[in-house]
Amino acid sequence: MALPIIAPYPMPGVADLPRNKVAWTPDPRRAVLLIHDMQRYFVDVFTAEQSPMKELIANIQRLRQRCLALGIPVVYSAQPGGQTTEQRGLLLDFWGAGVSDGHHKKDIIDALAPGEGDIRLTKWRYSAFRKTPLMDIMRERGRDQILICGIYAHIGCLQTASDAFMSDVRPFLVADALGDFSREHHQLALNYAAQLCAVTATTQQLIEQLGPAPQAALSRERIREDVAELLQQSAADLGDDDNLLDRGLDSIRIMSLVERWRSTGAEVTFVDLAERPSLTEWFGLLRAPSASPHQTPSA
């Protein structure tokens, strides 16, 4: 009844998409993004830094970033740890006790940690709509579309899409922002969804359909000051080419910067910043305007 160890497999791309039966398009005014069960308990059975997990995390980051910039609500589902027999219900027969209580495995992975304004759902069944307030949340906000990414494609993600369809909510299954037990299971979910209950599309296709994000307004000075604030150091003491990890910038602070800059419409991910941890790299990455000629550059 334990989760299987998942061998690496290639993430589906545009050429692997089944033909959709309907031609729905996402609307930022109507959509909600669901990041489904990206908890360590489920993620740890994949091989880190290999397909499909490598693309899965990066594509969810991209999609979440665009949704935040467009004002689309971001919802996280996560199963609780230490469920009682009654709470677990029939899932106990198929999957055992599930996530243990008081353990880090019930947490969302650090690379996709929810932001302050994100909505968190405690999830009890395959579908994120069952025994949760998700439908009420969507109706209160006038939302009738749901973009679904996360794991596992043929179980919770597909069941959530089917449940949405049966409640007259239009689901979009993000083909390359899903993970599953195998490529065959992954493709099964896409084929079923495209024929019976949802639109399947890639991350890039959905981002293009949602439209451009507002232009980021990040000056070099703003970037430097934000970093200095988190490091509790003087902005003038930060060299453009300093390795900011050596200056004390850890993963939590990087995620804080990502959230702060995404809120301005900047297209940036945790991986972008962590792999190039200097102000010089970040100025170019964020396409920040140059300092005013009347301002003296910091050392």
C-alpha atoms as a PDB file:
ATOM      1  CA  MET A   1       0.000   0.000   0.000  1.00  0.00           C
ATOM      2  CA  ALA A   2       3.040   2.264   0.146  1.00  0.00           C
ATOM      3  CA  LEU A   3       3.708   4.722  -2.657  1.00  0.00           C
ATOM      4  CA  PRO A   4       5.857   3.301  -5.460  1.00  0.00           C
ATOM      5  CA  ILE A   5       9.348   4.577  -6.123  1.00  0.00           C
ATOM      6  CA  ILE A   6       8.990   6.429  -9.424  1.00  0.00           C
ATOM      7  CA  ALA A   7      11.603   5.959 -12.117  1.00  0.00           C
ATOM      8  CA  PRO A   8      12.510   9.038 -14.184  1.00  0.00           C
ATOM      9  CA  TYR A   9      10.508   9.512 -17.366  1.00  0.00           C
ATOM     10  CA  PRO A  10      10.362  12.287 -19.988  1.00  0.00           C
ATOM     11  CA  MET A  11       7.872  15.055 -19.310  1.00  0.00           C
ATOM     12  CA  PRO A  12       5.199  15.260 -22.040  1.00  0.00           C
ATOM     13  CA  GLY A  13       5.454  18.214 -24.387  1.00  0.00           C
ATOM     14  CA  VAL A  14       3.332  19.855 -27.064  1.00  0.00           C
ATOM     15  CA  ALA A  15       3.715  16.904 -29.436  1.00  0.00           C
ATOM     16  CA  ASP A  16       2.344  14.546 -26.785  1.00  0.00           C
ATOM     17  CA  LEU A  17      -0.863  16.446 -26.092  1.00  0.00           C
ATOM     18  CA  PRO A  18      -4.057  14.631 -27.020  1.00  0.00           C
ATOM     19  CA  ARG A  19      -6.575  16.423 -29.186  1.00  0.00           C
ATOM     20  CA  ASN A  20      -8.911  18.418 -26.965  1.00  0.00           C
ATOM     21  CA  LYS A  21     -12.612  17.910 -27.514  1.00  0.00           C
ATOM     22  CA  VAL A  22     -13.396  21.517 -26.521  1.00  0.00           C
ATOM     23  CA  ALA A  23     -11.683  24.831 -27.244  1.00  0.00           C
ATOM     24  CA  TRP A  24     -11.882  26.629 -23.915  1.00  0.00           C
ATOM     25  CA  THR A  25      -9.316  29.344 -23.209  1.00  0.00           C
ATOM     26  CA  PRO A  26      -8.277  30.548 -19.744  1.00  0.00           C
ATOM     27  CA  ASP A  27      -9.376  33.996 -18.580  1.00  0.00           C
ATOM     28  CA  PRO A  28      -7.447  35.739 -15.777  1.00  0.00           C
ATOM     29  CA  ARG A  29     -10.711  37.197 -14.481  1.00  0.00           C
ATOM     30  CA  ARG A  30     -12.297  33.767 -14.153  1.00  0.00           C
ATOM     31  CA  ALA A  31      -9.432  31.428 -13.252  1.00  0.00           C
ATOM     32  CA  VAL A  32      -7.929  29.939 -10.099  1.00  0.00           C
ATOM     33  CA  LEU A  33      -4.601  28.086 -10.013  1.00  0.00           C
ATOM     34  CA  LEU A  34      -4.536  24.863  -7.973  1.00  0.00           C
ATOM     35  CA  ILE A  35      -1.128  23.532  -6.928  1.00  0.00           C
ATOM     36  CA  HIS A  36      -2.093  20.007  -5.998  1.00  0.00           C
ATOM     37  CA  ASP A  37      -0.405  18.054  -3.179  1.00  0.00           C
ATOM     38  CA  MET A  38       3.194  19.137  -3.770  1.00  0.00           C
ATOM     39  CA  GLN A  39       4.183  17.752  -0.371  1.00  0.00           C
ATOM     40  CA  ARG A  40       7.489  16.093   0.425  1.00  0.00           C
ATOM     41  CA  TYR A  41       5.701  12.819   1.175  1.00  0.00           C
ATOM     42  CA  PHE A  42       4.601  12.584  -2.469  1.00  0.00           C
ATOM     43  CA  VAL A  43       7.545  14.343  -4.119  1.00  0.00           C
ATOM     44  CA  ASP A  44      10.221  12.257  -2.411  1.00  0.00           C
ATOM     45  CA  VAL A  45       9.326   9.122  -4.388  1.00  0.00           C
ATOM     46  CA  PHE A  46      10.566  10.854  -7.560  1.00  0.00           C
ATOM     47  CA  THR A  47      14.254  11.190  -8.486  1.00  0.00           C
ATOM     48  CA  ALA A  48      15.275  14.752  -7.646  1.00  0.00           C
ATOM     49  CA  GLU A  49      16.709  16.944 -10.418  1.00  0.00           C
ATOM     50  CA  GLN A  50      15.552  14.536 -13.129  1.00  0.00           C
ATOM     51  CA  SER A  51      12.504  14.395 -15.372  1.00  0.00           C
ATOM     52  CA  PRO A  52       9.668  14.746 -14.750  1.00  0.00           C
ATOM     53  CA  MET A  53      10.308  16.425 -11.381  1.00  0.00           C
ATOM     54  CA  LYS A  54      12.824  18.936 -12.706  1.00  0.00           C
ATOM     55  CA  GLU A  55      10.388  20.331 -15.287  1.00  0.00           C
ATOM     56  CA  LEU A  56       7.408  19.931 -12.985  1.00  0.00           C
ATOM     57  CA  ILE A  57       8.772  22.281 -10.330  1.00  0.00           C
ATOM     58  CA  ALA A  58      10.088  24.823 -12.834  1.00  0.00           C
ATOM     59  CA  ASN A  59       6.804  24.942 -14.752  1.00  0.00           C
ATOM     60  CA  ILE A  60       4.688  25.311 -11.627  1.00  0.00           C
ATOM     61  CA  GLN A  61       6.936  28.175 -10.564  1.00  0.00           C
ATOM     62  CA  ARG A  62       6.467  29.865 -13.954  1.00  0.00           C
ATOM     63  CA  LEU A  63       2.722  29.408 -13.946  1.00  0.00           C
ATOM     64  CA  ARG A  64       2.332  30.564 -10.360  1.00  0.00           C
ATOM     65  CA  GLN A  65       4.443  33.613 -11.099  1.00  0.00           C
ATOM     66  CA  ARG A  66       2.244  34.611 -14.033  1.00  0.00           C
ATOM     67  CA  CYS A  67      -0.957  33.990 -12.054  1.00  0.00           C
ATOM     68  CA  LEU A  68       0.255  36.170  -9.178  1.00  0.00           C
ATOM     69  CA  ALA A  69       1.134  38.946 -11.602  1.00  0.00           C
ATOM     70  CA  LEU A  70      -2.334  38.757 -13.157  1.00  0.00           C
ATOM     71  CA  GLY A  71      -4.199  38.645  -9.850  1.00  0.00           C
ATOM     72  CA  ILE A  72      -5.294  35.028 -10.262  1.00  0.00           C
ATOM     73  CA  PRO A  73      -5.850  33.352  -6.863  1.00  0.00           C
ATOM     74  CA  VAL A  74      -3.336  30.615  -6.074  1.00  0.00           C
ATOM     75  CA  VAL A  75      -4.650  27.661  -4.063  1.00  0.00           C
ATOM     76  CA  TYR A  76      -2.545  24.916  -2.490  1.00  0.00           C
ATOM     77  CA  SER A  77      -3.957  21.556  -1.459  1.00  0.00           C
ATOM     78  CA  ALA A  78      -2.178  19.394   1.098  1.00  0.00           C
ATOM     79  CA  GLN A  79      -3.165  16.262   2.947  1.00  0.00           C
ATOM     80  CA  PRO A  80      -2.877  16.432   6.738  1.00  0.00           C
ATOM     81  CA  GLY A  81      -0.639  14.151   8.735  1.00  0.00           C
ATOM     82  CA  GLY A  82      -1.790  11.659  11.326  1.00  0.00           C
ATOM     83  CA  GLN A  83      -5.307  11.083  10.000  1.00  0.00           C
ATOM     84  CA  THR A  84      -7.616   8.923  12.077  1.00  0.00           C
ATOM     85  CA  THR A  85      -9.214   5.819  10.602  1.00  0.00           C
ATOM     86  CA  GLU A  86     -12.483   7.732  10.221  1.00  0.00           C
ATOM     87  CA  GLN A  87     -10.796  10.693   8.523  1.00  0.00           C
ATOM     88  CA  ARG A  88      -8.835   8.440   6.190  1.00  0.00           C
ATOM     89  CA  GLY A  89     -11.939   6.550   5.077  1.00  0.00           C
ATOM     90  CA  LEU A  90     -11.557   4.201   2.111  1.00  0.00           C
ATOM     91  CA  LEU A  91      -8.166   5.688   1.254  1.00  0.00           C
ATOM     92  CA  LEU A  92      -6.868   3.550   4.114  1.00  0.00           C
ATOM     93  CA  ASP A  93      -7.696   0.377   2.180  1.00  0.00           C
ATOM     94  CA  PHE A  94      -5.878   1.526  -0.941  1.00  0.00           C
ATOM     95  CA  TRP A  95      -2.949   3.557   0.409  1.00  0.00           C
ATOM     96  CA  GLY A  96      -2.572   2.876   4.104  1.00  0.00           C
ATOM     97  CA  ALA A  97      -2.326   5.509   6.816  1.00  0.00           C
ATOM     98  CA  GLY A  98      -0.874   8.223   4.580  1.00  0.00           C
ATOM     99  CA  VAL A  99       1.304  11.057   5.849  1.00  0.00           C
ATOM    100  CA  SER A 100       2.519  10.687   9.433  1.00  0.00           C
ATOM    101  CA  ASP A 101       1.861  13.471  11.917  1.00  0.00           C
ATOM    102  CA  GLY A 102       4.485  15.892  13.190  1.00  0.00           C
ATOM    103  CA  HIS A 103       6.831  15.153  10.290  1.00  0.00           C
ATOM    104  CA  HIS A 104       8.329  17.436   7.639  1.00  0.00           C
ATOM    105  CA  LYS A 105       7.003  15.178   4.866  1.00  0.00           C
ATOM    106  CA  LYS A 106       3.565  16.765   5.148  1.00  0.00           C
ATOM    107  CA  ASP A 107       5.036  20.178   4.194  1.00  0.00           C
ATOM    108  CA  ILE A 108       4.903  21.708   0.727  1.00  0.00           C
ATOM    109  CA  ILE A 109       8.389  21.504  -0.815  1.00  0.00           C
ATOM    110  CA  ASP A 110      10.550  24.595  -0.274  1.00  0.00           C
ATOM    111  CA  ALA A 111      10.811  25.454  -3.979  1.00  0.00           C
ATOM    112  CA  LEU A 112       7.027  25.902  -4.114  1.00  0.00           C
ATOM    113  CA  ALA A 113       6.356  27.216  -0.622  1.00  0.00           C
ATOM    114  CA  PRO A 114       3.039  29.118  -0.414  1.00  0.00           C
ATOM    115  CA  GLY A 115       3.201  32.895  -0.161  1.00  0.00           C
ATOM    116  CA  GLU A 116       1.425  35.062   2.355  1.00  0.00           C
ATOM    117  CA  GLY A 117      -1.556  35.727   0.107  1.00  0.00           C
ATOM    118  CA  ASP A 118      -2.014  32.166  -1.153  1.00  0.00           C
ATOM    119  CA  ILE A 119      -4.950  29.998  -0.102  1.00  0.00           C
ATOM    120  CA  ARG A 120      -4.244  26.695   1.650  1.00  0.00           C
ATOM    121  CA  LEU A 121      -6.678  23.785   1.674  1.00  0.00           C
ATOM    122  CA  THR A 122      -6.599  20.730   3.891  1.00  0.00           C
ATOM    123  CA  LYS A 123      -7.411  17.923   1.470  1.00  0.00           C
ATOM    124  CA  TRP A 124      -9.097  14.664   2.483  1.00  0.00           C
ATOM    125  CA  ARG A 125      -9.953  12.789  -0.712  1.00  0.00           C
ATOM    126  CA  TYR A 126      -8.671  12.449  -4.272  1.00  0.00           C
ATOM    127  CA  SER A 127     -10.598  15.506  -5.459  1.00  0.00           C
ATOM    128  CA  ALA A 128      -9.606  18.867  -4.011  1.00  0.00           C
ATOM    129  CA  PHE A 129     -13.303  19.784  -3.987  1.00  0.00           C
ATOM    130  CA  ARG A 130     -14.389  16.998  -1.604  1.00  0.00           C
ATOM    131  CA  LYS A 131     -14.700  17.989   2.063  1.00  0.00           C
ATOM    132  CA  THR A 132     -12.997  21.355   1.363  1.00  0.00           C
ATOM    133  CA  PRO A 133     -14.247  24.932   0.837  1.00  0.00           C
ATOM    134  CA  LEU A 134     -12.675  25.181  -2.645  1.00  0.00           C
ATOM    135  CA  MET A 135     -15.972  25.529  -4.504  1.00  0.00           C
ATOM    136  CA  ASP A 136     -17.194  28.190  -2.062  1.00  0.00           C
ATOM    137  CA  ILE A 137     -13.911  30.081  -2.434  1.00  0.00           C
ATOM    138  CA  MET A 138     -14.261  30.082  -6.204  1.00  0.00           C
ATOM    139  CA  ARG A 139     -17.892  31.132  -6.187  1.00  0.00           C
ATOM    140  CA  GLU A 140     -17.226  33.968  -3.733  1.00  0.00           C
ATOM    141  CA  ARG A 141     -14.610  35.314  -6.148  1.00  0.00           C
ATOM    142  CA  GLY A 142     -16.721  34.778  -9.252  1.00  0.00           C
ATOM    143  CA  ARG A 143     -14.310  32.169 -10.616  1.00  0.00           C
ATOM    144  CA  ASP A 144     -15.409  29.298 -12.850  1.00  0.00           C
ATOM    145  CA  GLN A 145     -12.126  28.063 -14.318  1.00  0.00           C
ATOM    146  CA  ILE A 146      -9.409  26.042 -12.575  1.00  0.00           C
ATOM    147  CA  LEU A 147      -5.826  25.465 -13.769  1.00  0.00           C
ATOM    148  CA  ILE A 148      -4.577  22.208 -12.239  1.00  0.00           C
ATOM    149  CA  CYS A 149      -0.937  21.254 -11.718  1.00  0.00           C
ATOM    150  CA  GLY A 150       0.910  19.016  -9.256  1.00  0.00           C
ATOM    151  CA  ILE A 151       0.783  15.305  -8.426  1.00  0.00           C
ATOM    152  CA  TYR A 152      -0.409  12.706  -9.101  1.00  0.00           C
ATOM    153  CA  ALA A 153      -1.869  13.295 -12.570  1.00  0.00           C
ATOM    154  CA  HIS A 154      -4.095  10.214 -12.885  1.00  0.00           C
ATOM    155  CA  ILE A 155      -5.339  10.300  -9.296  1.00  0.00           C
ATOM    156  CA  GLY A 156      -6.032  13.576  -7.481  1.00  0.00           C
ATOM    157  CA  CYS A 157      -5.396  15.936 -10.387  1.00  0.00           C
ATOM    158  CA  LEU A 158      -7.673  14.036 -12.773  1.00  0.00           C
ATOM    159  CA  GLN A 159     -10.365  13.502 -10.134  1.00  0.00           C
ATOM    160  CA  THR A 160     -10.305  17.212  -9.308  1.00  0.00           C
ATOM    161  CA  ALA A 161     -10.697  18.045 -13.001  1.00  0.00           C
ATOM    162  CA  SER A 162     -13.600  15.630 -13.343  1.00  0.00           C
ATOM    163  CA  ASP A 163     -15.260  16.984 -10.192  1.00  0.00           C
ATOM    164  CA  ALA A 164     -14.860  20.557 -11.458  1.00  0.00           C
ATOM    165  CA  PHE A 165     -16.445  19.625 -14.783  1.00  0.00           C
ATOM    166  CA  MET A 166     -19.446  18.070 -13.050  1.00  0.00           C
ATOM    167  CA  SER A 167     -19.928  21.330 -11.131  1.00  0.00           C
ATOM    168  CA  ASP A 168     -19.797  23.482 -14.308  1.00  0.00           C
ATOM    169  CA  VAL A 169     -16.269  24.716 -13.575  1.00  0.00           C
ATOM    170  CA  ARG A 170     -13.977  24.558 -16.606  1.00  0.00           C
ATOM    171  CA  PRO A 171     -10.767  22.659 -15.784  1.00  0.00           C
ATOM    172  CA  PHE A 172      -7.393  23.011 -17.510  1.00  0.00           C
ATOM    173  CA  LEU A 173      -4.903  20.210 -16.887  1.00  0.00           C
ATOM    174  CA  VAL A 174      -1.367  21.581 -17.259  1.00  0.00           C
ATOM    175  CA  ALA A 175       0.299  18.692 -19.084  1.00  0.00           C
ATOM    176  CA  ASP A 176       3.947  19.537 -18.326  1.00  0.00           C
ATOM    177  CA  ALA A 177       3.298  20.717 -14.768  1.00  0.00           C
ATOM    178  CA  LEU A 178       2.089  17.305 -13.580  1.00  0.00           C
ATOM    179  CA  GLY A 179       3.852  14.246 -12.221  1.00  0.00           C
ATOM    180  CA  ASP A 180       2.732  10.624 -12.039  1.00  0.00           C
ATOM    181  CA  PHE A 181       3.754   7.027 -11.343  1.00  0.00           C
ATOM    182  CA  SER A 182       4.943   6.588 -14.939  1.00  0.00           C
ATOM    183  CA  ARG A 183       4.744   8.116 -18.393  1.00  0.00           C
ATOM    184  CA  GLU A 184       1.871   5.739 -19.145  1.00  0.00           C
ATOM    185  CA  HIS A 185      -0.141   6.901 -16.122  1.00  0.00           C
ATOM    186  CA  HIS A 186       0.632  10.519 -17.009  1.00  0.00           C
ATOM    187  CA  GLN A 187      -0.565  10.080 -20.583  1.00  0.00           C
ATOM    188  CA  LEU A 188      -3.662   8.206 -19.410  1.00  0.00           C
ATOM    189  CA  ALA A 189      -4.674  11.239 -17.339  1.00  0.00           C
ATOM    190  CA  LEU A 190      -4.175  13.607 -20.274  1.00  0.00           C
ATOM    191  CA  ASN A 191      -6.122  11.409 -22.684  1.00  0.00           C
ATOM    192  CA  TYR A 192      -9.056  10.975 -20.317  1.00  0.00           C
ATOM    193  CA  ALA A 193      -9.211  14.673 -19.477  1.00  0.00           C
ATOM    194  CA  ALA A 194      -9.029  15.842 -23.100  1.00  0.00           C
ATOM    195  CA  GLN A 195     -11.834  13.535 -24.157  1.00  0.00           C
ATOM    196  CA  LEU A 196     -14.210  13.794 -21.209  1.00  0.00           C
ATOM    197  CA  CYS A 197     -13.786  16.737 -18.855  1.00  0.00           C
ATOM    198  CA  ALA A 198     -10.976  19.252 -19.443  1.00  0.00           C
ATOM    199  CA  VAL A 199      -8.587  21.057 -21.746  1.00  0.00           C
ATOM    200  CA  THR A 200      -4.991  19.835 -21.721  1.00  0.00           C
ATOM    201  CA  ALA A 201      -2.279  22.383 -22.466  1.00  0.00           C
ATOM    202  CA  THR A 202       1.372  23.081 -21.730  1.00  0.00           C
ATOM    203  CA  THR A 203       2.578  25.699 -19.292  1.00  0.00           C
ATOM    204  CA  GLN A 204       3.769  27.937 -22.117  1.00  0.00           C
ATOM    205  CA  GLN A 205       0.476  27.660 -23.984  1.00  0.00           C
ATOM    206  CA  LEU A 206      -1.501  28.677 -20.899  1.00  0.00           C
ATOM    207  CA  ILE A 207       0.855  31.548 -20.073  1.00  0.00           C
ATOM    208  CA  GLU A 208       0.463  32.895 -23.605  1.00  0.00           C
ATOM    209  CA  GLN A 209      -3.323  32.524 -23.467  1.00  0.00           C
ATOM    210  CA  LEU A 210      -3.533  34.275 -20.103  1.00  0.00           C
ATOM    211  CA  GLY A 211      -1.795  37.275 -21.600  1.00  0.00           C
ATOM    212  CA  PRO A 212       1.190  39.399 -20.595  1.00  0.00           C
ATOM    213  CA  ALA A 213       1.920  40.249 -16.993  1.00  0.00           C
ATOM    214  CA  PRO A 214       2.158  43.894 -15.909  1.00  0.00           C
ATOM    215  CA  GLN A 215       5.584  45.402 -16.504  1.00  0.00           C
ATOM    216  CA  ALA A 216       7.900  45.000 -13.548  1.00  0.00           C
ATOM    217  CA  ALA A 217       9.056  48.267 -12.017  1.00  0.00           C
ATOM    218  CA  LEU A 218      12.258  47.229 -10.290  1.00  0.00           C
ATOM    219  CA  SER A 219      15.160  49.642 -10.299  1.00  0.00           C
ATOM    220  CA  ARG A 220      18.690  48.611  -9.420  1.00  0.00           C
ATOM    221  CA  GLU A 221      18.339  50.596  -6.210  1.00  0.00           C
ATOM    222  CA  ARG A 222      15.127  48.772  -5.273  1.00  0.00           C
ATOM    223  CA  ILE A 223      16.750  45.380  -5.842  1.00  0.00           C
ATOM    224  CA  ARG A 224      19.815  46.306  -3.799  1.00  0.00           C
ATOM    225  CA  GLU A 225      17.742  47.752  -0.949  1.00  0.00           C
ATOM    226  CA  ASP A 226      15.437  44.729  -0.799  1.00  0.00           C
ATOM    227  CA  VAL A 227      18.428  42.389  -0.520  1.00  0.00           C
ATOM    228  CA  ALA A 228      20.124  44.569   2.085  1.00  0.00           C
ATOM    229  CA  GLU A 229      16.943  44.701   4.146  1.00  0.00           C
ATOM    230  CA  LEU A 230      16.681  40.920   4.322  1.00  0.00           C
ATOM    231  CA  LEU A 231      20.380  40.557   5.136  1.00  0.00           C
ATOM    232  CA  GLN A 232      20.132  43.359   7.711  1.00  0.00           C
ATOM    233  CA  GLN A 233      23.149  45.015   6.103  1.00  0.00           C
ATOM    234  CA  SER A 234      23.826  48.361   4.531  1.00  0.00           C
ATOM    235  CA  ALA A 235      22.954  48.581   0.845  1.00  0.00           C
ATOM    236  CA  ALA A 236      26.210  50.451   0.238  1.00  0.00           C
ATOM    237  CA  ASP A 237      28.184  47.482   1.615  1.00  0.00           C
ATOM    238  CA  LEU A 238      26.847  45.087  -1.022  1.00  0.00           C
ATOM    239  CA  GLY A 239      29.146  44.730  -4.004  1.00  0.00           C
ATOM    240  CA  ASP A 240      27.532  44.105  -7.366  1.00  0.00           C
ATOM    241  CA  ASP A 241      29.526  40.905  -7.860  1.00  0.00           C
ATOM    242  CA  ASP A 242      29.439  39.614  -4.284  1.00  0.00           C
ATOM    243  CA  ASN A 243      28.182  36.056  -3.898  1.00  0.00           C
ATOM    244  CA  LEU A 244      25.036  36.770  -1.906  1.00  0.00           C
ATOM    245  CA  LEU A 245      24.939  33.227  -0.528  1.00  0.00           C
ATOM    246  CA  ASP A 246      28.280  33.935   1.130  1.00  0.00           C
ATOM    247  CA  ARG A 247      26.789  37.162   2.519  1.00  0.00           C
ATOM    248  CA  GLY A 248      24.097  35.122   4.321  1.00  0.00           C
ATOM    249  CA  LEU A 249      21.265  34.877   1.808  1.00  0.00           C
ATOM    250  CA  ASP A 250      19.600  31.518   2.487  1.00  0.00           C
ATOM    251  CA  SER A 251      16.729  29.732   0.727  1.00  0.00           C
ATOM    252  CA  ILE A 252      14.046  31.288   2.928  1.00  0.00           C
ATOM    253  CA  ARG A 253      15.276  34.810   2.163  1.00  0.00           C
ATOM    254  CA  ILE A 254      15.522  33.997  -1.547  1.00  0.00           C
ATOM    255  CA  MET A 255      11.904  32.822  -1.568  1.00  0.00           C
ATOM    256  CA  SER A 256      10.930  36.034   0.210  1.00  0.00           C
ATOM    257  CA  LEU A 257      12.592  38.042  -2.577  1.00  0.00           C
ATOM    258  CA  VAL A 258      10.879  35.934  -5.216  1.00  0.00           C
ATOM    259  CA  GLU A 259       7.481  36.618  -3.661  1.00  0.00           C
ATOM    260  CA  ARG A 260       8.209  40.317  -3.254  1.00  0.00           C
ATOM    261  CA  TRP A 261       9.398  40.797  -6.834  1.00  0.00           C
ATOM    262  CA  ARG A 262       6.719  38.603  -8.375  1.00  0.00           C
ATOM    263  CA  SER A 263       4.129  40.879  -6.802  1.00  0.00           C
ATOM    264  CA  THR A 264       5.442  43.655  -9.071  1.00  0.00           C
ATOM    265  CA  GLY A 265       5.018  41.453 -12.151  1.00  0.00           C
ATOM    266  CA  ALA A 266       8.675  40.417 -12.401  1.00  0.00           C
ATOM    267  CA  GLU A 267       9.241  37.007 -13.990  1.00  0.00           C
ATOM    268  CA  VAL A 268      11.645  35.322 -11.603  1.00  0.00           C
ATOM    269  CA  THR A 269      11.886  31.950  -9.874  1.00  0.00           C
ATOM    270  CA  PHE A 270      13.739  30.552  -6.878  1.00  0.00           C
ATOM    271  CA  VAL A 271      16.069  28.635  -9.199  1.00  0.00           C
ATOM    272  CA  ASP A 272      16.840  31.782 -11.218  1.00  0.00           C
ATOM    273  CA  LEU A 273      18.104  33.599  -8.132  1.00  0.00           C
ATOM    274  CA  ALA A 274      19.787  30.651  -6.416  1.00  0.00           C
ATOM    275  CA  GLU A 275      21.847  29.688  -9.462  1.00  0.00           C
ATOM    276  CA  ARG A 276      23.136  33.253 -10.081  1.00  0.00           C
ATOM    277  CA  PRO A 277      23.451  34.807  -6.616  1.00  0.00           C
ATOM    278  CA  SER A 278      24.903  38.229  -7.375  1.00  0.00           C
ATOM    279  CA  LEU A 279      23.370  41.660  -7.861  1.00  0.00           C
ATOM    280  CA  THR A 280      24.943  41.953 -11.315  1.00  0.00           C
ATOM    281  CA  GLU A 281      23.203  38.770 -12.450  1.00  0.00           C
ATOM    282  CA  TRP A 282      19.921  39.817 -10.866  1.00  0.00           C
ATOM    283  CA  PHE A 283      19.955  43.285 -12.463  1.00  0.00           C
ATOM    284  CA  GLY A 284      20.098  41.622 -15.869  1.00  0.00           C
ATOM    285  CA  LEU A 285      17.645  38.868 -14.963  1.00  0.00           C
ATOM    286  CA  LEU A 286      15.029  41.322 -13.747  1.00  0.00           C
ATOM    287  CA  ARG A 287      15.701  43.702 -16.641  1.00  0.00           C
ATOM    288  CA  ALA A 288      15.959  46.535 -14.168  1.00  0.00           C
ATOM    289  CA  PRO A 289      16.591  50.018 -15.539  1.00  0.00           C
ATOM    290  CA  SER A 290      20.005  51.525 -15.028  1.00  0.00           C
ATOM    291  CA  ALA A 291      20.649  53.877 -12.169  1.00  0.00           C
ATOM    292  CA  SER A 292      19.964  57.523 -12.764  1.00  0.00           C
ATOM    293  CA  PRO A 293      23.048  59.445 -13.913  1.00  0.00           C
ATOM    294  CA  HIS A 294      22.498  61.773 -10.951  1.00  0.00           C
ATOM    295  CA  GLN A 295      22.853  58.896  -8.493  1.00  0.00           C
ATOM    296  CA  THR A 296      26.157  57.582  -7.265  1.00  0.00           C
ATOM    297  CA  PRO A 297      26.396  53.791  -7.739  1.00  0.00           C
ATOM    298  CA  SER A 298      26.945  51.798  -4.569  1.00  0.00           C
ATOM    299  CA  ALA A 299      30.239  50.037  -4.172  1.00  0.00           C
END
